Structures are given as C-alpha cells and as structure tokens.
Amino acid sequence: MAVLAAVLLVPGAGGVGIGLSPGSLSFENVLRDGYAEGTFVVTSSMSESVPIYGRVQGDVGEWLHFPDATEGLLGEVSVEHPLIVRVAVAPPGDVASGRYSGYVLLETGTLASVGDTIGSAVRVSLLGWTHLSVTGEEIRDCQVGALQLTDTEPGMPLELSLMVRNTGNVRLAPEVQVDIWDQGETTLLTGAEEHMETVLPTTKREQRFYLDHGLPQGQYWALVSVPECGSSQLLTFDVLPLGGVADRGQLESVTSEVWARVGDLVPVRAVFSNTGQRSVRAIFRGSVVSEGRTIELLQSEEALVPPGESAELLSYFRPQRTGQYELRGRVHYNGKLTYEKGTILNVNAGPAARIPGRLVAAYGLLLAMLALLVLFIRKKRRRG
C-alpha cells in the first residue's frame, strides 16, 4: 500500500496540513509470544505544537500498543519538529500462524487556529495500517556495527563501544569476545568476555564496555567477535603515556532550592559534561560557607561519565540555623579540576510547634468549667 492519508488539508485553516508516512507498516515472521516494532512519522505545516493521540483497531488491535504513549498521548508535532511514533506488536502464544491486519488511528488535539469558518473544535485523524505474519519458527539473526576502541593510559580501562541490531524474531543477549594481541599480532596477551543487554527483535542497542587490561605503553590489536551475529573485526589502539589522552570536562551548574527551612535536607545538584574523548570518573567536592566561614563540606558519589554525555552529581546539606549560605565547589575528574561554581541558599526558621487539636479542645473545656465554677461561687456569696 502506498502512503495512506499522507497529507490532510484542514478547510478554512489556510492550508494547514497534517501528514503521516509511511501509510502502512509490515512485520514479517513475528514469533508467537514474540515482539516487533516499527515507526510512523507525523508531520505538520503548523508552527504551533499540536498534540497527537493514538488508538489501535482491527483484528490485531489487542496485540498492538504504543511504547511511548502516556495515557494515549504520543507527543506533539510542529513544522520544525516531526513526531516519531513507535508501534509495537506482541502476538499471543496461542495464535495460529498466518497473516493478520489492523490499524492505528492517530488524532490531533483541537486545532484552535483553524479560522472562523468552522470554529475551533476541529480535529484531524490519520489512519496507518499494520500487516503482520505470525510464525512458530525461531529466527536468530543480528548485525553488528559502530565498533570502536579508544586509546587509553596505564591504569585506565579500555573502552569498547558497539551497536547490535536484532534482525531475527527472538530476544538476543549476544556475547562479545575481545582478544588482545601484541603489535606484531603474534602473541595473545589478554582477553575478555562480556554480554550485551537484551536486544528485542526489530530493535537495536548501543552499548559501551570498560575492560581492564594491565598493559604497558605501546600499540596493540584487538579482535572483537560477536559469534551469535557472525561478526569479527580487528581494531587497533594505543596505551599512551600518562597525560597522553586529553581529558576535558566542564561544570555546567551548581543549583539547589532558593529557599529552605531549618532542618530540611537540601539536595545540591552539580551538572558535569564530559567534553573529552573518553569516559572519566567524576565526583563533586565543595563547601558550605556562612558569614565567610566554611561550616560543612559537600561530596557526591563518583560517577562514570562517557564522552559527550552529562551527569548530575548529587550531594546534600541540612541547615541547622537560619541565614544565607553559599554552596560552591568543583568537579574532580581523572586527576583534573573544573572551574568553581556555586549557588545561594536562604534558610528560614522551621514551622512553629503545633498543639494537637484534642489538647486545645481539652484546654477550652477546662477553661469553660473554671468560668462556670467562678460564676457559681460568686452567686452563692451574694445570696449569703
């Protein structure tokens, strides 16, 4: 089937278009009690963001779902931001082999800017067909790509990254084998075996491994094999002198709540970005300053931050007095330091102690009884 409902133009909306591609998804050789997924792309000619909701229908409606949906909402689409909609199918274990069809219905929220002609209660619906064949035959197949080894230093792990795409119909957790040879490729020096996390059928997973090696400086070769995928590739890497790999990182921010109360446990968040070429071990160390004096030290847990990624390093402070506090510090990573950054925390007194309601009522009753007793005594004296 060609692209179905590729573009719908909304009358009176100045040519507003909502598009869907492709018009259908096909899932071949899906295993009973298995899994497969595909994607639709929703586009819009509107600059404003439009919410998209999803429903499933047809013979296989009970087998289909949207993995990224939240109470039916799939996300928002605009002219600058197309929406990728993941559709997953999971046929039951007792279904007969054969071909089945269903469809998903994608609906917009109310288009409030469609003009005065048709009002503001217009919604657009897009239909996307799904076709699948169900089988009882297991197919184990996968592909490996994006293999990379980074240079390292003595005492630092060797980083291996790769991508595995599951092109079969069963879940896979393939083993990754690494054999490290000397520069002349004549002597096997060391090796390692790791396992990928589970890769679902029709999906891919990127993963990074950190391998201890104990190798001195020099050039080496690594034969990286994934037997289940029939993949084997020879890579080279260097163990450089200490300081030969330039680690770079940046402390983006140090933040906390602006106001807190005495006794509150206040999280201090330090965001660190690894801008270098290899993973670094990062830890935030700082101090709490009040009236020019350091009254407490801050320290987060250590985090391993891959290159190009960021991490939030958490530490905590519980103020014991009111006042203004300066929270500041640096991130230590692979023997290096970032610039210092900080934030201000203002602390108020905690809530006043409250008297329990029952006790208040008891006091009130006692006072009322005392008042009545006084009145009774006074009247008795007057009569006497």
Protein backbone atom coordinates (compact mmCIF):
# COMPACT_ATOMS: atom_id res chain seq x y z
CA MET A 1 0.00 0.00 0.00
CA ALA A 2 1.28 3.48 -0.79
CA VAL A 3 1.27 6.32 1.67
CA LEU A 4 -2.25 6.48 3.08
CA ALA A 5 -3.61 9.83 4.22
CA ALA A 6 -0.18 11.28 3.52
CA VAL A 7 -1.36 14.87 3.93
CA LEU A 8 -4.73 16.08 5.16
CA LEU A 9 -5.55 19.73 4.48
CA VAL A 10 -7.86 21.38 7.01
CA PRO A 11 -10.52 23.55 5.31
CA GLY A 12 -10.53 27.16 6.38
CA ALA A 13 -7.14 26.77 8.02
CA GLY A 14 -5.06 28.46 5.40
CA GLY A 15 -3.74 25.17 4.01
CA VAL A 16 -2.79 23.58 7.33
CA GLY A 17 -1.54 20.06 6.62
CA ILE A 18 -1.00 17.06 8.89
CA GLY A 19 0.90 14.18 7.27
CA LEU A 20 1.68 10.53 8.04
CA SER A 21 4.33 8.32 6.49
CA PRO A 22 4.63 5.57 5.61
CA GLY A 23 1.00 4.68 5.04
CA SER A 24 1.45 1.16 6.46
CA LEU A 25 3.84 -0.99 8.50
CA SER A 26 4.67 -4.61 7.71
CA PHE A 27 6.01 -7.07 10.30
CA GLU A 28 7.26 -10.32 8.82
CA ASN A 29 7.85 -13.62 10.65
CA VAL A 30 6.82 -12.38 14.09
CA LEU A 31 7.20 -15.21 16.59
CA ARG A 32 4.23 -16.31 18.68
CA ASP A 33 4.57 -14.62 22.06
CA GLY A 34 7.30 -12.51 20.43
CA TYR A 35 7.84 -8.83 19.71
CA ALA A 36 8.39 -6.45 16.80
CA GLU A 37 8.17 -2.71 16.34
CA GLY A 38 8.15 -0.07 13.61
CA THR A 39 7.69 3.69 13.31
CA PHE A 40 5.32 6.17 11.70
CA VAL A 41 6.36 9.80 11.19
CA VAL A 42 3.78 12.55 11.70
CA THR A 43 4.49 15.94 10.10
CA SER A 44 2.70 19.27 10.28
CA SER A 45 2.73 22.58 8.42
CA MET A 46 1.78 24.49 11.60
CA SER A 47 4.33 26.44 13.60
CA GLU A 48 2.36 25.78 16.81
CA SER A 49 2.77 22.42 18.53
CA VAL A 50 -0.18 20.06 18.05
CA PRO A 51 -0.76 17.12 20.44
CA ILE A 52 -1.15 13.69 18.84
CA TYR A 53 -3.16 10.87 20.43
CA GLY A 54 -3.23 7.22 19.38
CA ARG A 55 -5.70 4.32 19.29
CA VAL A 56 -5.43 0.78 17.90
CA GLN A 57 -8.16 -1.04 15.97
CA GLY A 58 -8.77 -4.11 13.80
CA ASP A 59 -8.17 -7.85 14.12
CA VAL A 60 -4.85 -7.37 15.91
CA GLY A 61 -5.84 -4.36 17.97
CA GLU A 62 -5.21 -6.23 21.22
CA TRP A 63 -1.68 -7.08 20.06
CA LEU A 64 -0.70 -3.51 19.18
CA HIS A 65 0.45 -0.78 21.54
CA PHE A 66 2.40 2.47 21.61
CA PRO A 67 5.52 2.00 23.82
CA ASP A 68 5.97 5.77 24.30
CA ALA A 69 2.34 6.72 25.00
CA THR A 70 1.25 8.39 28.22
CA GLU A 71 -2.50 7.96 28.74
CA GLY A 72 -2.97 7.93 24.97
CA LEU A 73 -0.78 10.98 24.30
CA LEU A 74 2.04 10.20 21.88
CA GLY A 75 3.68 13.62 21.84
CA GLU A 76 3.47 16.88 19.90
CA VAL A 77 4.22 17.80 16.30
CA SER A 78 5.05 21.11 14.60
CA VAL A 79 6.57 22.23 11.33
CA GLU A 80 10.07 22.14 12.86
CA HIS A 81 9.63 19.01 14.96
CA PRO A 82 8.14 15.91 13.29
CA LEU A 83 6.84 13.27 15.68
CA ILE A 84 8.20 9.72 15.51
CA VAL A 85 5.54 7.25 16.70
CA ARG A 86 6.71 3.79 17.71
CA VAL A 87 4.18 0.98 17.18
CA ALA A 88 4.86 -2.42 18.77
CA VAL A 89 3.16 -5.74 18.18
CA ALA A 90 3.21 -8.75 20.53
CA PRO A 91 1.05 -11.66 19.30
CA PRO A 92 -0.08 -14.15 21.99
CA GLY A 93 1.47 -17.58 22.31
CA ASP A 94 -1.67 -19.47 21.22
CA VAL A 95 -2.34 -17.61 17.97
CA ALA A 96 -2.31 -19.58 14.72
CA SER A 97 0.39 -18.94 12.15
CA GLY A 98 -0.80 -16.74 9.31
CA ARG A 99 -1.27 -13.18 8.14
CA TYR A 100 -3.17 -10.54 10.11
CA SER A 101 -4.05 -6.88 9.71
CA GLY A 102 -5.02 -3.98 11.91
CA TYR A 103 -4.61 -0.25 12.01
CA VAL A 104 -3.70 2.62 14.28
CA LEU A 105 -5.69 5.82 14.42
CA LEU A 106 -3.67 8.96 15.17
CA GLU A 107 -5.72 12.01 16.14
CA THR A 108 -4.75 15.61 16.78
CA GLY A 109 -5.93 17.67 19.67
CA THR A 110 -8.25 20.56 18.95
CA LEU A 111 -6.87 22.86 16.24
CA ALA A 112 -7.71 26.22 17.79
CA SER A 113 -6.40 28.33 14.91
CA VAL A 114 -8.42 26.94 12.02
CA GLY A 115 -10.35 30.14 11.37
CA ASP A 116 -13.83 31.47 11.91
CA THR A 117 -15.48 29.40 9.19
CA ILE A 118 -15.61 26.08 11.02
CA GLY A 119 -14.91 27.13 14.58
CA SER A 120 -12.24 25.91 16.96
CA ALA A 121 -13.32 22.30 17.56
CA VAL A 122 -11.64 20.72 14.55
CA ARG A 123 -9.59 17.54 14.94
CA VAL A 124 -7.64 15.65 12.29
CA SER A 125 -7.41 11.83 12.16
CA LEU A 126 -4.77 9.81 10.32
CA LEU A 127 -5.05 6.10 9.57
CA GLY A 128 -2.00 3.83 9.46
CA TRP A 129 -2.37 0.16 8.54
CA THR A 130 -0.33 -2.63 10.12
CA HIS A 131 0.18 -6.02 8.44
CA LEU A 132 1.99 -8.92 10.05
CA SER A 133 2.74 -12.57 9.52
CA VAL A 134 2.94 -14.80 12.58
CA THR A 135 5.18 -17.88 12.65
CA GLY A 136 6.24 -20.57 15.11
CA GLU A 137 9.77 -20.78 13.68
CA GLU A 138 12.55 -19.09 15.63
CA ILE A 139 14.94 -16.93 13.62
CA ARG A 140 18.19 -15.89 15.30
CA ASP A 141 19.95 -13.19 13.31
CA CYS A 142 21.68 -9.92 14.11
CA GLN A 143 24.08 -7.33 12.73
CA VAL A 144 26.97 -5.52 14.42
CA GLY A 145 28.15 -2.01 13.68
CA ALA A 146 29.74 1.15 15.08
CA LEU A 147 32.64 -0.80 16.63
CA GLN A 148 35.14 1.50 18.29
CA LEU A 149 38.08 1.20 20.71
CA THR A 150 39.53 4.34 22.27
CA ASP A 151 43.16 4.92 23.19
CA THR A 152 43.87 4.68 26.89
CA GLU A 153 46.58 5.11 29.54
CA PRO A 154 48.15 2.73 32.09
CA GLY A 155 45.69 2.16 34.91
CA MET A 156 42.68 3.32 32.89
CA PRO A 157 40.15 0.89 31.36
CA LEU A 158 39.96 0.19 27.65
CA GLU A 159 36.64 1.43 26.25
CA LEU A 160 34.79 -0.63 23.66
CA SER A 161 31.55 0.57 22.09
CA LEU A 162 29.35 -1.19 19.55
CA MET A 163 25.81 -1.42 18.19
CA VAL A 164 23.81 -4.64 17.71
CA ARG A 165 20.66 -4.72 15.56
CA ASN A 166 18.35 -7.71 16.07
CA THR A 167 17.14 -8.75 12.61
CA GLY A 168 15.62 -12.03 13.83
CA ASN A 169 12.42 -12.70 15.76
CA VAL A 170 13.73 -13.80 19.20
CA ARG A 171 15.25 -11.79 22.02
CA LEU A 172 19.05 -11.80 22.00
CA ALA A 173 21.77 -11.03 24.54
CA PRO A 174 24.84 -11.79 22.40
CA GLU A 175 28.25 -12.45 23.90
CA VAL A 176 31.08 -10.08 22.96
CA GLN A 177 34.57 -11.60 22.90
CA VAL A 178 37.75 -9.49 22.89
CA ASP A 179 41.22 -10.93 22.27
CA ILE A 180 44.15 -8.50 22.62
CA TRP A 181 47.37 -9.18 20.69
CA ASP A 182 50.77 -7.53 20.66
CA GLN A 183 51.87 -5.09 17.96
CA GLY A 184 53.11 -7.89 15.69
CA GLU A 185 49.86 -9.89 16.15
CA THR A 186 51.91 -12.92 17.20
CA THR A 187 51.19 -13.20 20.93
CA LEU A 188 47.79 -13.28 22.62
CA LEU A 189 48.19 -11.08 25.71
CA THR A 190 44.79 -10.97 27.36
CA GLY A 191 41.10 -11.25 26.64
CA ALA A 192 37.61 -10.57 27.94
CA GLU A 193 34.05 -11.80 27.52
CA GLU A 194 31.05 -9.55 28.00
CA HIS A 195 27.32 -9.82 27.29
CA MET A 196 25.07 -7.27 25.66
CA GLU A 197 21.87 -6.33 27.40
CA THR A 198 18.75 -7.83 25.83
CA VAL A 199 18.05 -6.65 22.28
CA LEU A 200 14.40 -7.08 21.24
CA PRO A 201 13.52 -8.22 17.70
CA THR A 202 13.49 -5.40 15.09
CA THR A 203 15.33 -3.05 17.50
CA LYS A 204 18.94 -2.03 18.03
CA ARG A 205 21.03 -1.33 21.13
CA GLU A 206 24.24 0.64 21.57
CA GLN A 207 26.41 -0.38 24.50
CA ARG A 208 29.76 0.53 25.99
CA PHE A 209 32.10 -1.83 27.88
CA TYR A 210 35.06 -0.94 30.13
CA LEU A 211 37.80 -3.56 30.00
CA ASP A 212 40.68 -3.82 32.49
CA HIS A 213 43.91 -4.68 30.70
CA GLY A 214 47.13 -4.06 32.72
CA LEU A 215 49.06 -3.31 29.51
CA PRO A 216 52.16 -1.09 29.34
CA GLN A 217 52.61 1.70 26.80
CA GLY A 218 52.55 0.64 23.16
CA GLN A 219 50.38 -0.30 20.21
CA TYR A 220 48.04 -3.30 20.35
CA TRP A 221 45.47 -5.13 18.25
CA ALA A 222 42.07 -6.32 19.43
CA LEU A 223 39.97 -8.95 17.70
CA VAL A 224 36.35 -8.17 18.64
CA SER A 225 33.93 -11.01 17.90
CA VAL A 226 30.18 -11.42 18.33
CA PRO A 227 29.73 -15.09 17.39
CA GLU A 228 25.93 -15.09 17.52
CA CYS A 229 25.89 -12.38 14.84
CA GLY A 230 28.71 -13.93 12.82
CA SER A 231 30.76 -10.76 13.28
CA SER A 232 34.52 -10.42 13.79
CA GLN A 233 36.60 -7.27 13.36
CA LEU A 234 40.23 -6.38 14.05
CA LEU A 235 40.86 -2.98 15.67
CA THR A 236 44.00 -1.22 16.85
CA PHE A 237 44.54 1.01 19.89
CA ASP A 238 47.37 2.62 21.82
CA VAL A 239 48.26 2.69 25.51
CA LEU A 240 49.68 6.20 25.79
CA PRO A 241 51.91 7.74 28.49
CA LEU A 242 50.10 9.25 31.45
CA GLY A 243 48.57 12.51 30.30
CA GLY A 244 48.70 11.44 26.66
CA VAL A 245 44.91 11.29 26.43
CA ALA A 246 43.45 14.75 26.96
CA ASP A 247 40.51 14.59 29.38
CA ARG A 248 38.22 17.60 29.20
CA GLY A 249 35.18 18.39 31.26
CA GLN A 250 33.03 21.30 32.31
CA LEU A 251 30.98 22.04 35.41
CA GLU A 252 27.79 23.41 33.86
CA SER A 253 25.99 24.49 37.02
CA VAL A 254 25.58 24.08 40.77
CA THR A 255 21.98 24.51 41.90
CA SER A 256 19.75 23.99 44.92
CA GLU A 257 16.43 25.26 46.19
CA VAL A 258 16.44 29.04 46.65
CA TRP A 259 14.60 28.81 49.99
CA ALA A 260 14.61 26.09 52.65
CA ARG A 261 13.78 25.71 56.32
CA VAL A 262 15.95 24.77 59.24
CA GLY A 263 16.27 21.00 59.35
CA ASP A 264 15.37 20.41 55.69
CA LEU A 265 17.57 18.03 53.69
CA VAL A 266 18.57 20.15 50.70
CA PRO A 267 19.85 18.42 47.50
CA VAL A 268 22.80 20.17 45.83
CA ARG A 269 22.93 19.36 42.11
CA ALA A 270 26.16 19.72 40.14
CA VAL A 271 25.85 19.08 36.37
CA PHE A 272 29.09 17.94 34.75
CA SER A 273 29.69 17.50 30.99
CA ASN A 274 32.43 15.28 29.59
CA THR A 275 33.76 17.11 26.52
CA GLY A 276 36.77 14.83 26.05
CA GLN A 277 37.31 11.68 24.02
CA ARG A 278 37.00 9.01 26.71
CA SER A 279 34.98 8.29 29.83
CA VAL A 280 36.01 9.94 33.07
CA ARG A 281 35.31 9.25 36.73
CA ALA A 282 33.79 12.42 38.15
CA ILE A 283 32.99 13.49 41.70
CA PHE A 284 31.77 16.84 43.05
CA ARG A 285 33.53 18.25 46.11
CA GLY A 286 32.52 21.54 47.63
CA SER A 287 31.82 23.51 50.76
CA VAL A 288 29.04 25.38 52.56
CA VAL A 289 30.06 28.93 53.51
CA SER A 290 28.22 31.10 56.05
CA GLU A 291 29.43 34.58 57.08
CA GLY A 292 32.78 33.92 55.43
CA ARG A 293 33.42 30.62 57.23
CA THR A 294 33.28 27.08 55.87
CA ILE A 295 30.85 25.21 58.10
CA GLU A 296 30.43 21.95 56.18
CA LEU A 297 31.91 20.02 53.25
CA LEU A 298 29.95 18.62 50.32
CA GLN A 299 30.75 15.48 48.34
CA SER A 300 28.80 13.46 45.78
CA GLU A 301 29.06 9.82 44.78
CA GLU A 302 31.54 9.08 41.99
CA ALA A 303 30.03 8.72 38.51
CA LEU A 304 31.46 7.29 35.29
CA VAL A 305 30.61 9.78 32.53
CA PRO A 306 31.01 8.65 28.89
CA PRO A 307 32.40 11.11 26.31
CA GLY A 308 29.86 13.60 25.04
CA GLU A 309 27.46 12.96 27.92
CA SER A 310 26.49 14.79 31.11
CA ALA A 311 25.83 13.60 34.63
CA GLU A 312 24.10 15.09 37.67
CA LEU A 313 26.26 14.73 40.78
CA LEU A 314 24.18 14.92 43.96
CA SER A 315 25.28 15.98 47.43
CA TYR A 316 23.18 17.08 50.41
CA PHE A 317 23.15 19.79 53.10
CA ARG A 318 20.91 20.04 56.19
CA PRO A 319 20.99 23.59 57.59
CA GLN A 320 20.81 23.96 61.39
CA ARG A 321 20.36 27.74 61.57
CA THR A 322 18.60 30.48 59.66
CA GLY A 323 20.57 32.68 57.33
CA GLN A 324 22.13 32.78 53.89
CA TYR A 325 24.54 30.09 52.74
CA GLU A 326 26.85 29.86 49.76
CA LEU A 327 27.19 26.37 48.25
CA ARG A 328 30.16 26.10 45.93
CA GLY A 329 32.64 23.58 44.61
CA ARG A 330 34.40 21.87 41.70
CA VAL A 331 34.22 18.55 39.91
CA HIS A 332 37.30 16.32 40.17
CA TYR A 333 37.69 14.04 37.13
CA ASN A 334 40.63 11.79 36.25
CA GLY A 335 43.01 13.91 38.31
CA LYS A 336 41.78 17.22 36.87
CA LEU A 337 39.58 20.03 38.22
CA THR A 338 36.84 22.18 36.72
CA TYR A 339 36.31 25.85 37.40
CA GLU A 340 34.47 26.53 40.66
CA LYS A 341 30.77 27.37 40.59
CA GLY A 342 28.16 27.90 43.27
CA THR A 343 24.71 28.99 44.32
CA ILE A 344 22.95 30.75 47.21
CA LEU A 345 20.59 29.09 49.69
CA ASN A 346 18.34 31.11 52.00
CA VAL A 347 17.14 29.38 55.17
CA ASN A 348 14.13 30.36 57.26
CA ALA A 349 13.04 29.03 60.64
CA GLY A 350 11.03 25.83 60.63
CA PRO A 351 7.29 25.86 61.34
CA ALA A 352 6.30 26.63 64.94
CA ALA A 353 5.37 23.64 67.04
CA ARG A 354 1.63 23.00 66.85
CA ILE A 355 -0.53 22.00 69.79
CA PRO A 356 -2.62 18.92 68.95
CA GLY A 357 -6.28 19.66 68.32
CA ARG A 358 -7.50 17.34 71.07
CA LEU A 359 -5.31 19.13 73.62
CA VAL A 360 -6.66 22.51 72.51
CA ALA A 361 -10.21 21.23 72.94
CA ALA A 362 -9.39 19.89 76.41
CA TYR A 363 -7.92 23.23 77.47
CA GLY A 364 -11.02 25.00 76.17
CA LEU A 365 -13.33 22.71 78.10
CA LEU A 366 -11.29 23.17 81.27
CA LEU A 367 -11.42 26.96 80.97
CA ALA A 368 -15.18 26.86 80.41
CA MET A 369 -15.63 24.71 83.53
CA LEU A 370 -13.47 27.10 85.57
CA ALA A 371 -15.52 30.06 84.35
CA LEU A 372 -18.76 28.35 85.36
CA LEU A 373 -17.30 27.50 88.77
CA VAL A 374 -16.32 31.14 89.39
CA LEU A 375 -19.82 32.30 88.43
CA PHE A 376 -21.38 29.72 90.75
CA ILE A 377 -19.20 30.81 93.71
CA ARG A 378 -19.99 34.49 93.15
CA LYS A 379 -23.76 33.87 93.08
CA LYS A 380 -23.57 31.79 96.23
CA ARG A 381 -21.73 34.56 98.08
CA ARG A 382 -24.31 37.17 97.05
CA ARG A 383 -27.14 35.02 98.40
CA GLY A 384 -25.26 34.54 101.66
